[in-house]
N, C-alpha and C. Protein backbone atom coordinates (compact mmCIF):
# COMPACT_ATOMS: atom_id res chain seq x y z
N MET A 1 -104.99 105.32 50.34
CA MET A 1 -103.36 104.79 50.26
C MET A 1 -103.50 103.28 50.14
N PRO A 2 -102.93 102.43 48.93
CA PRO A 2 -102.95 101.27 49.02
C PRO A 2 -102.83 100.49 49.85
N ALA A 3 -103.44 99.27 50.21
CA ALA A 3 -102.89 98.14 51.30
C ALA A 3 -101.67 97.77 51.61
N ALA A 4 -101.06 97.75 50.16
CA ALA A 4 -99.56 97.25 50.12
C ALA A 4 -98.47 98.42 50.58
N ALA A 5 -98.99 99.49 50.95
CA ALA A 5 -98.32 100.98 51.25
C ALA A 5 -98.23 100.71 52.95
N SER A 6 -99.09 99.84 53.55
CA SER A 6 -99.00 99.68 55.09
C SER A 6 -98.08 98.60 55.49
N VAL A 7 -97.51 99.29 56.51
CA VAL A 7 -96.52 98.54 57.29
C VAL A 7 -97.37 97.27 57.92
N LEU A 8 -98.38 97.38 57.94
CA LEU A 8 -99.15 96.24 58.66
C LEU A 8 -99.74 95.22 57.59
N ASP A 9 -99.47 95.18 56.38
CA ASP A 9 -99.83 94.16 55.36
C ASP A 9 -98.83 93.06 55.39
N HIS A 10 -99.09 92.27 56.58
CA HIS A 10 -98.45 90.83 57.28
C HIS A 10 -99.27 90.26 57.99
N ASP A 11 -99.33 88.80 57.89
CA ASP A 11 -99.98 87.76 58.53
C ASP A 11 -99.35 87.24 59.77
N TYR A 12 -99.68 87.30 61.07
CA TYR A 12 -99.06 86.61 61.90
C TYR A 12 -100.29 85.67 62.92
N ARG A 13 -99.66 84.88 63.52
CA ARG A 13 -100.54 84.02 64.38
C ARG A 13 -101.01 84.72 65.63
N ALA A 14 -102.26 84.73 66.14
CA ALA A 14 -102.31 85.31 67.22
C ALA A 14 -101.79 84.29 68.60
N LEU A 15 -101.26 85.02 69.67
CA LEU A 15 -100.24 84.54 70.60
C LEU A 15 -101.00 83.19 70.96
N ALA A 16 -100.28 81.99 71.07
CA ALA A 16 -100.52 80.61 71.33
C ALA A 16 -101.91 80.29 70.89
N SER A 17 -101.83 80.43 69.72
CA SER A 17 -103.21 80.18 68.83
C SER A 17 -102.56 79.54 67.39
N ARG A 18 -103.59 79.08 66.54
CA ARG A 18 -103.14 78.76 65.11
C ARG A 18 -103.74 79.29 64.19
N GLN A 19 -104.87 80.65 64.67
CA GLN A 19 -105.42 81.40 63.91
C GLN A 19 -104.45 82.45 63.67
N THR A 20 -104.30 82.81 61.94
CA THR A 20 -103.45 83.51 61.43
C THR A 20 -104.37 84.89 61.05
N VAL A 21 -103.61 85.77 61.59
CA VAL A 21 -104.39 87.17 61.14
C VAL A 21 -103.62 88.22 60.47
N ASN A 22 -104.41 88.63 59.43
CA ASN A 22 -103.68 89.85 58.61
C ASN A 22 -104.02 91.17 59.34
N LEU A 23 -102.67 91.73 59.99
CA LEU A 23 -102.54 93.08 60.74
C LEU A 23 -103.47 94.17 60.00
N ALA A 24 -103.36 94.39 58.73
CA ALA A 24 -103.98 95.43 57.87
C ALA A 24 -105.55 95.18 57.96
N GLN A 25 -105.99 94.09 57.78
CA GLN A 25 -107.36 93.77 58.21
C GLN A 25 -107.70 93.67 59.33
N ALA A 26 -107.21 93.30 60.20
CA ALA A 26 -107.64 93.04 61.67
C ALA A 26 -107.78 94.41 62.08
N HIS A 27 -106.86 95.27 61.80
CA HIS A 27 -106.48 96.88 62.59
C HIS A 27 -106.89 97.84 61.72
N ALA A 28 -107.65 97.64 60.43
CA ALA A 28 -107.73 98.57 59.64
C ALA A 28 -108.55 99.82 60.34
N GLY A 29 -108.24 101.15 60.12
CA GLY A 29 -108.63 102.21 60.55
C GLY A 29 -108.31 102.45 61.92
N GLN A 30 -107.53 101.91 62.49
CA GLN A 30 -107.26 101.93 64.05
C GLN A 30 -105.46 102.74 63.91
N VAL A 31 -105.67 103.46 65.17
CA VAL A 31 -104.06 104.08 65.44
C VAL A 31 -103.54 102.84 66.32
N LEU A 32 -102.70 102.57 65.91
CA LEU A 32 -101.84 101.33 66.75
C LEU A 32 -100.83 101.71 67.51
N LEU A 33 -100.31 100.86 68.66
CA LEU A 33 -98.90 101.32 69.21
C LEU A 33 -98.52 99.71 69.08
N VAL A 34 -97.63 99.57 68.53
CA VAL A 34 -96.70 98.07 68.34
C VAL A 34 -95.49 98.07 69.28
N VAL A 35 -95.61 97.36 69.84
CA VAL A 35 -94.70 97.01 71.11
C VAL A 35 -94.05 95.61 71.08
N ASN A 36 -92.67 95.45 71.23
CA ASN A 36 -91.95 94.14 71.46
C ASN A 36 -91.74 93.91 72.94
N THR A 37 -92.45 92.70 73.55
CA THR A 37 -92.50 92.64 74.93
C THR A 37 -91.64 91.68 75.18
N ALA A 38 -91.52 91.50 76.68
CA ALA A 38 -90.59 90.33 77.19
C ALA A 38 -91.05 90.36 78.49
N SER A 39 -91.32 89.01 79.03
CA SER A 39 -92.07 88.99 80.61
C SER A 39 -90.88 88.71 81.71
N LYS A 40 -89.50 88.74 81.37
CA LYS A 40 -88.84 88.98 82.17
C LYS A 40 -87.85 89.79 82.21
N CYS A 41 -88.26 91.27 82.01
CA CYS A 41 -87.35 92.54 81.85
C CYS A 41 -87.63 93.36 82.93
N GLY A 42 -86.81 94.14 83.18
CA GLY A 42 -87.14 95.30 83.88
C GLY A 42 -88.13 96.23 83.51
N PHE A 43 -88.70 96.41 82.16
CA PHE A 43 -89.54 97.25 81.78
C PHE A 43 -90.80 96.34 81.78
N THR A 44 -91.06 95.00 82.00
CA THR A 44 -92.50 94.29 81.72
C THR A 44 -93.46 95.07 82.57
N SER A 45 -93.29 95.44 83.75
CA SER A 45 -94.40 96.22 84.57
C SER A 45 -95.15 97.34 83.43
N GLN A 46 -94.60 97.80 82.44
CA GLN A 46 -95.27 98.52 81.31
C GLN A 46 -96.59 97.74 80.90
N TYR A 47 -96.62 96.66 81.01
CA TYR A 47 -97.79 95.69 80.41
C TYR A 47 -98.99 96.57 81.28
N GLU A 48 -98.86 96.72 82.20
CA GLU A 48 -99.89 97.39 83.18
C GLU A 48 -100.68 98.84 82.51
N GLY A 49 -99.49 99.52 82.08
CA GLY A 49 -99.99 100.74 81.51
C GLY A 49 -100.37 100.53 80.00
N LEU A 50 -99.81 99.93 79.56
CA LEU A 50 -100.24 99.63 78.07
C LEU A 50 -101.64 98.84 77.97
N GLU A 51 -102.03 98.09 78.81
CA GLU A 51 -103.41 97.61 79.02
C GLU A 51 -104.33 98.90 79.31
N ALA A 52 -103.84 99.80 80.35
CA ALA A 52 -104.87 100.95 80.70
C ALA A 52 -105.04 101.91 79.43
N LEU A 53 -103.67 102.08 78.79
CA LEU A 53 -103.78 102.72 77.53
C LEU A 53 -104.67 102.37 76.46
N HIS A 54 -104.93 101.05 76.21
CA HIS A 54 -105.43 99.89 75.43
C HIS A 54 -107.08 100.41 75.56
N GLN A 55 -107.29 99.96 77.13
CA GLN A 55 -108.71 100.24 77.56
C GLN A 55 -109.15 101.64 77.54
N GLN A 56 -108.51 102.60 77.76
CA GLN A 56 -108.78 103.96 77.47
C GLN A 56 -109.23 104.67 76.22
N LEU A 57 -108.48 104.05 75.23
CA LEU A 57 -108.46 104.81 73.90
C LEU A 57 -109.09 103.79 73.07
N SER A 58 -109.73 102.54 73.07
CA SER A 58 -110.10 101.59 72.28
C SER A 58 -111.22 102.27 71.61
N PRO A 59 -112.26 102.93 72.30
CA PRO A 59 -113.33 103.30 71.90
C PRO A 59 -113.01 104.43 70.85
N ARG A 60 -111.89 105.11 70.89
CA ARG A 60 -111.70 105.81 69.85
C ARG A 60 -110.98 105.33 68.60
N GLY A 61 -110.76 104.23 68.62
CA GLY A 61 -110.28 103.63 67.45
C GLY A 61 -108.81 103.32 67.46
N PHE A 62 -108.51 102.92 68.84
CA PHE A 62 -106.82 103.03 69.34
C PHE A 62 -106.79 101.40 69.61
N ALA A 63 -105.66 100.74 69.29
CA ALA A 63 -105.21 99.20 70.13
C ALA A 63 -103.87 99.24 70.23
N VAL A 64 -103.43 98.86 71.10
CA VAL A 64 -102.08 98.29 71.54
C VAL A 64 -101.96 96.75 70.94
N ILE A 65 -100.84 96.65 70.23
CA ILE A 65 -100.57 95.08 69.90
C ILE A 65 -99.23 94.70 70.21
N GLY A 66 -99.15 93.50 70.65
CA GLY A 66 -97.71 93.10 71.22
C GLY A 66 -97.02 91.84 70.51
N PHE A 67 -95.94 92.13 70.50
CA PHE A 67 -95.07 90.87 69.83
C PHE A 67 -94.13 90.45 70.74
N PRO A 68 -94.15 89.59 71.45
CA PRO A 68 -93.39 88.67 72.40
C PRO A 68 -91.98 88.36 71.47
N SER A 69 -90.53 88.85 72.09
CA SER A 69 -89.51 88.55 71.44
C SER A 69 -88.45 88.12 72.53
N ASN A 70 -87.63 87.23 72.12
CA ASN A 70 -86.57 86.84 72.80
C ASN A 70 -85.09 87.23 72.50
N ASP A 71 -85.23 88.63 72.10
CA ASP A 71 -83.98 88.96 71.37
C ASP A 71 -82.97 89.55 72.34
N PHE A 72 -83.38 90.00 73.43
CA PHE A 72 -82.48 90.69 74.31
C PHE A 72 -82.02 90.21 75.65
N LEU A 73 -81.10 89.39 75.88
CA LEU A 73 -80.60 88.55 76.91
C LEU A 73 -81.50 87.46 77.40
N GLY A 74 -82.54 87.12 76.38
CA GLY A 74 -83.15 85.83 76.42
C GLY A 74 -84.31 86.24 77.47
N GLN A 75 -84.90 87.14 77.64
CA GLN A 75 -86.19 87.94 78.53
C GLN A 75 -87.25 87.29 78.22
N GLU A 76 -87.43 86.56 77.02
CA GLU A 76 -88.62 85.99 76.59
C GLU A 76 -88.54 84.74 76.39
N PRO A 77 -87.96 83.91 77.55
CA PRO A 77 -87.75 82.53 77.05
C PRO A 77 -88.96 81.36 76.98
N GLY A 78 -89.81 81.71 77.63
CA GLY A 78 -91.22 80.86 77.54
C GLY A 78 -91.90 80.56 76.51
N SER A 79 -92.68 79.59 76.57
CA SER A 79 -93.38 79.00 75.20
C SER A 79 -94.41 80.08 74.93
N GLU A 80 -95.17 80.19 73.87
CA GLU A 80 -96.42 80.99 73.66
C GLU A 80 -97.56 80.73 74.62
N GLU A 81 -97.75 79.99 74.99
CA GLU A 81 -99.04 79.35 76.09
C GLU A 81 -98.28 79.77 77.40
N GLN A 82 -96.92 79.87 77.46
CA GLN A 82 -96.37 80.41 79.15
C GLN A 82 -96.57 81.83 78.93
N ILE A 83 -96.18 82.40 77.88
CA ILE A 83 -96.22 84.08 77.82
C ILE A 83 -97.56 84.42 77.75
N ALA A 84 -98.95 83.69 77.27
CA ALA A 84 -100.18 84.18 77.32
C ALA A 84 -100.39 84.09 78.68
N GLU A 85 -100.29 83.30 79.45
CA GLU A 85 -100.86 82.70 80.58
C GLU A 85 -100.10 83.75 81.63
N PHE A 86 -98.89 84.10 81.58
CA PHE A 86 -98.35 85.29 82.21
C PHE A 86 -98.97 86.69 81.99
N CYS A 87 -98.95 87.02 81.08
CA CYS A 87 -99.62 88.37 80.53
C CYS A 87 -100.93 88.57 81.16
N THR A 88 -101.83 87.58 80.90
CA THR A 88 -103.07 87.37 81.23
C THR A 88 -103.34 87.41 82.74
N LEU A 89 -102.73 86.75 83.55
CA LEU A 89 -103.06 86.41 85.11
C LEU A 89 -102.14 87.35 85.87
N THR A 90 -100.74 87.97 85.50
CA THR A 90 -100.06 88.89 86.19
C THR A 90 -100.71 90.08 85.91
N TYR A 91 -100.80 90.69 84.57
CA TYR A 91 -100.79 91.94 84.23
C TYR A 91 -102.25 92.16 83.57
N GLY A 92 -103.30 91.15 83.61
CA GLY A 92 -104.62 91.27 83.00
C GLY A 92 -104.40 91.77 81.75
N VAL A 93 -103.57 91.63 80.61
CA VAL A 93 -103.60 91.91 79.22
C VAL A 93 -104.64 91.48 78.41
N ARG A 94 -105.25 92.16 78.11
CA ARG A 94 -106.55 91.90 76.92
C ARG A 94 -106.06 92.27 75.62
N PHE A 95 -105.20 93.13 75.47
CA PHE A 95 -105.04 93.94 73.86
C PHE A 95 -104.32 92.66 73.04
N PRO A 96 -104.39 92.91 71.67
CA PRO A 96 -104.22 91.61 71.10
C PRO A 96 -102.30 91.40 71.16
N MET A 97 -102.38 90.19 71.49
CA MET A 97 -100.65 89.81 71.27
C MET A 97 -100.69 88.76 70.12
N TYR A 98 -99.68 88.72 69.65
CA TYR A 98 -99.30 87.98 68.38
C TYR A 98 -97.90 87.08 68.84
N GLU A 99 -97.83 86.00 67.84
CA GLU A 99 -96.59 85.17 67.92
C GLU A 99 -95.53 85.87 68.40
N LYS A 100 -94.34 84.86 68.86
CA LYS A 100 -93.07 85.58 69.15
C LYS A 100 -92.20 85.59 67.95
N VAL A 101 -91.58 86.99 68.07
CA VAL A 101 -90.73 86.85 66.78
C VAL A 101 -89.59 87.58 66.99
N VAL A 102 -88.87 87.57 66.02
CA VAL A 102 -87.59 88.38 66.16
C VAL A 102 -87.55 89.79 65.68
N VAL A 103 -87.15 90.73 66.46
CA VAL A 103 -87.41 92.16 66.12
C VAL A 103 -85.98 92.82 65.58
N THR A 104 -84.96 92.11 65.56
CA THR A 104 -83.75 93.10 65.35
C THR A 104 -82.87 92.20 64.41
N GLY A 105 -81.96 92.89 63.82
CA GLY A 105 -81.16 92.08 62.80
C GLY A 105 -81.57 91.25 61.55
N PRO A 106 -80.64 90.61 60.86
CA PRO A 106 -81.37 90.13 59.67
C PRO A 106 -82.41 89.01 59.83
N GLN A 107 -82.63 88.44 60.86
CA GLN A 107 -83.92 87.68 61.07
C GLN A 107 -84.90 88.53 61.48
N ALA A 108 -84.74 89.45 61.36
CA ALA A 108 -86.08 90.07 61.72
C ALA A 108 -87.28 89.70 61.09
N THR A 109 -88.74 90.08 61.63
CA THR A 109 -89.65 89.44 60.72
C THR A 109 -89.92 90.72 59.73
N GLY A 110 -90.83 90.55 59.11
CA GLY A 110 -91.27 91.44 58.28
C GLY A 110 -91.76 92.99 58.70
N LEU A 111 -92.40 92.84 59.49
CA LEU A 111 -93.10 93.89 60.18
C LEU A 111 -92.06 95.04 60.82
N TYR A 112 -91.28 94.19 61.50
CA TYR A 112 -90.09 95.08 62.23
C TYR A 112 -89.01 95.37 61.23
N ARG A 113 -88.86 94.70 60.46
CA ARG A 113 -87.85 95.50 59.19
C ARG A 113 -88.38 96.50 58.63
N GLN A 114 -89.85 96.49 58.11
CA GLN A 114 -90.50 97.66 57.80
C GLN A 114 -90.64 98.92 58.93
N LEU A 115 -90.73 98.50 60.11
CA LEU A 115 -90.77 99.53 61.15
C LEU A 115 -89.46 100.23 61.30
N THR A 116 -88.44 99.34 61.38
CA THR A 116 -86.99 100.00 61.29
C THR A 116 -86.81 100.79 59.92
N ALA A 117 -87.12 100.28 58.68
CA ALA A 117 -86.65 101.19 57.70
C ALA A 117 -87.56 102.51 57.48
N ALA A 118 -88.87 102.34 58.16
CA ALA A 118 -89.55 103.68 58.16
C ALA A 118 -89.06 104.94 59.16
N THR A 119 -88.47 104.21 60.26
CA THR A 119 -88.12 105.28 61.20
C THR A 119 -86.45 105.45 61.56
N GLY A 120 -85.58 104.51 60.99
CA GLY A 120 -84.50 104.38 60.97
C GLY A 120 -84.03 103.98 62.36
N VAL A 121 -84.84 103.35 63.34
CA VAL A 121 -84.54 102.85 64.32
C VAL A 121 -85.05 101.56 64.84
N ALA A 122 -84.31 100.58 65.00
CA ALA A 122 -84.78 99.18 65.41
C ALA A 122 -84.81 99.28 66.80
N PRO A 123 -85.78 98.44 67.65
CA PRO A 123 -85.73 98.21 68.89
C PRO A 123 -84.26 97.84 69.40
N GLY A 124 -83.88 98.80 70.33
CA GLY A 124 -82.54 98.49 71.29
C GLY A 124 -82.81 97.61 72.40
N TRP A 125 -84.35 97.44 72.80
CA TRP A 125 -84.42 96.61 73.92
C TRP A 125 -86.00 96.31 74.10
N ASN A 126 -86.52 95.73 74.85
CA ASN A 126 -87.95 95.30 75.17
C ASN A 126 -88.72 96.70 75.26
N PHE A 127 -89.82 96.57 74.84
CA PHE A 127 -91.25 97.38 75.26
C PHE A 127 -90.40 98.81 74.43
N HIS A 128 -89.98 98.49 73.13
CA HIS A 128 -89.72 99.49 72.18
C HIS A 128 -91.13 99.69 71.47
N LYS A 129 -91.60 101.22 71.31
CA LYS A 129 -92.84 101.48 70.71
C LYS A 129 -93.14 102.25 69.47
N TYR A 130 -93.80 101.75 68.72
CA TYR A 130 -94.04 102.48 67.45
C TYR A 130 -95.51 102.82 67.23
N VAL A 131 -95.87 104.17 66.76
CA VAL A 131 -97.15 104.53 66.53
C VAL A 131 -97.50 104.36 65.04
N ILE A 132 -98.50 103.86 64.84
CA ILE A 132 -98.92 103.48 63.75
C ILE A 132 -100.27 104.25 63.16
N GLY A 133 -100.57 105.23 62.25
CA GLY A 133 -101.46 105.76 61.85
C GLY A 133 -102.72 105.03 61.13
N ARG A 134 -103.86 105.85 61.16
CA ARG A 134 -105.11 105.03 60.70
C ARG A 134 -104.65 104.11 59.38
N ASP A 135 -103.81 104.85 58.48
CA ASP A 135 -103.35 104.60 57.24
C ASP A 135 -102.55 103.43 57.00
N GLY A 136 -101.93 103.10 58.30
CA GLY A 136 -100.85 102.23 58.22
C GLY A 136 -99.42 102.47 58.19
N ARG A 137 -99.26 103.95 58.30
CA ARG A 137 -97.82 104.38 58.15
C ARG A 137 -97.44 104.76 59.47
N VAL A 138 -96.09 104.59 59.76
CA VAL A 138 -95.56 104.99 61.07
C VAL A 138 -95.29 106.53 61.46
N ARG A 139 -96.15 106.85 62.58
CA ARG A 139 -96.02 108.23 62.83
C ARG A 139 -94.85 108.60 63.67
N ALA A 140 -94.40 107.80 64.79
CA ALA A 140 -93.14 107.94 65.72
C ALA A 140 -93.08 106.53 66.19
N GLN A 141 -91.72 106.69 67.10
CA GLN A 141 -91.31 105.81 67.71
C GLN A 141 -90.65 106.09 69.12
N PHE A 142 -90.73 105.39 69.79
CA PHE A 142 -90.19 105.60 71.42
C PHE A 142 -89.49 104.43 71.97
N GLY A 143 -88.27 104.90 72.45
CA GLY A 143 -87.55 103.64 73.49
C GLY A 143 -87.97 103.05 74.47
N SER A 144 -87.69 102.08 74.99
CA SER A 144 -88.21 101.36 75.97
C SER A 144 -88.43 102.26 77.27
N ARG A 145 -87.59 103.22 77.59
CA ARG A 145 -87.77 103.92 78.76
C ARG A 145 -88.89 104.96 78.76
N VAL A 146 -89.60 104.93 77.30
CA VAL A 146 -90.67 105.89 77.58
C VAL A 146 -92.03 105.06 77.89
N THR A 147 -92.73 105.32 79.08
CA THR A 147 -93.61 104.70 79.75
C THR A 147 -95.11 104.94 78.89
N PRO A 148 -95.85 103.98 79.10
CA PRO A 148 -97.15 104.14 78.52
C PRO A 148 -97.74 105.26 78.89
N ASP A 149 -97.48 105.85 80.00
CA ASP A 149 -98.32 107.34 80.11
C ASP A 149 -97.34 108.36 79.95
N ALA A 150 -96.37 108.42 79.29
CA ALA A 150 -95.52 109.50 78.93
C ALA A 150 -96.16 110.44 78.18
N PRO A 151 -96.09 111.78 78.53
CA PRO A 151 -96.88 112.90 77.83
C PRO A 151 -96.18 112.77 76.29
N GLU A 152 -95.20 112.68 75.76
CA GLU A 152 -94.60 112.62 74.53
C GLU A 152 -95.36 111.46 73.74
N LEU A 153 -95.32 110.20 74.25
CA LEU A 153 -96.12 109.04 73.76
C LEU A 153 -97.74 109.73 73.62
N ARG A 154 -98.16 109.86 74.46
CA ARG A 154 -99.46 109.90 74.44
C ARG A 154 -99.95 111.43 73.56
N ALA A 155 -99.11 112.21 73.29
CA ALA A 155 -99.30 113.27 72.32
C ALA A 155 -99.05 112.54 70.86
N ALA A 156 -98.37 111.76 70.72
CA ALA A 156 -98.19 111.21 69.24
C ALA A 156 -99.32 110.15 68.90
N ILE A 157 -99.88 109.80 70.03
CA ILE A 157 -101.19 108.72 69.81
C ILE A 157 -102.20 109.83 69.40
N GLU A 158 -102.28 111.00 70.82
CA GLU A 158 -103.61 112.01 70.06
C GLU A 158 -103.58 112.54 68.78
N GLN A 159 -102.10 112.76 68.48
CA GLN A 159 -102.33 113.59 66.94
C GLN A 159 -102.73 112.38 65.92
N ALA A 160 -102.06 111.16 65.92
CA ALA A 160 -102.65 110.28 65.27
C ALA A 160 -104.22 110.00 64.88
N LEU A 161 -104.72 110.02 66.19
CA LEU A 161 -106.30 109.67 66.38
C LEU A 161 -106.93 110.86 65.83
N ALA A 162 -106.21 112.03 65.82
CA ALA A 162 -107.07 113.55 65.47
C ALA A 162 -106.94 113.29 63.74
N GLU A 163 -106.11 112.39 63.09
CA GLU A 163 -106.20 112.60 61.81
C GLU A 163 -107.58 111.85 61.14
N PRO A 164 -107.92 112.35 60.19
CA PRO A 164 -109.05 111.77 59.62
C PRO A 164 -109.26 110.20 59.06
N GLN A 165 -110.01 109.44 58.81
CA GLN A 165 -110.02 108.22 58.57
C GLN A 165 -109.64 108.39 57.19
N PRO A 166 -108.66 107.32 56.45
CA PRO A 166 -108.39 107.22 55.16
C PRO A 166 -109.54 106.68 54.23
N GLN A 167 -109.81 107.43 53.33
CA GLN A 167 -110.72 106.95 52.40
C GLN A 167 -110.43 105.77 51.44
N PRO A 168 -111.32 104.98 51.16
CA PRO A 168 -110.98 103.81 50.56
C PRO A 168 -110.74 104.22 48.96
N GLN A 169 -109.69 103.68 48.51
CA GLN A 169 -109.23 104.15 47.03
C GLN A 169 -109.91 103.28 46.09
N PRO A 170 -110.30 103.88 44.96
CA PRO A 170 -111.28 103.38 44.07
C PRO A 170 -110.11 102.04 43.20
N GLN A 171 -110.89 101.10 42.81
CA GLN A 171 -110.11 100.09 42.26
C GLN A 171 -110.01 100.47 40.83
N PRO A 172 -108.92 100.41 40.12
CA PRO A 172 -108.80 100.32 38.85
C PRO A 172 -109.78 99.31 38.07
N ARG A 173 -110.31 99.77 36.80
CA ARG A 173 -111.31 98.66 36.06
C ARG A 173 -110.57 98.19 34.89
């Protein structure tokens, strides 16, 4: 599959950093769980389960990636530095976190516009989850109430992990 077909073909800064990362390159061949996060939400404790999931499945080519967002009742008001400190110190988050973004409406960042278009579902709240296959295509989406240890989320991740690695496409000459 050409890289352009991947919803991951976007550049974002690592959280509280000047380093820009192309998601498709940085996470090539991985199954991803893309999550919009917030530090002052009733679902914030999901950080702990997300980190556990990341640690448990990363040896198999899996990663959680987080995007802080202040879209829902101002529940992520802090600076990126404050968010990074909170996530690390409070929940021991080590999975990749990227810059604070808008995830809904006309101002939504490119990744979230594509995730919404692919599933027909925009995040309705913080901690909405999208499963992305190794080929960069969306496999499933789950609302905020679906916890990181929910059987249906785990089944979707396991199914995506079981899919073969995509083969590189020959370049036209």
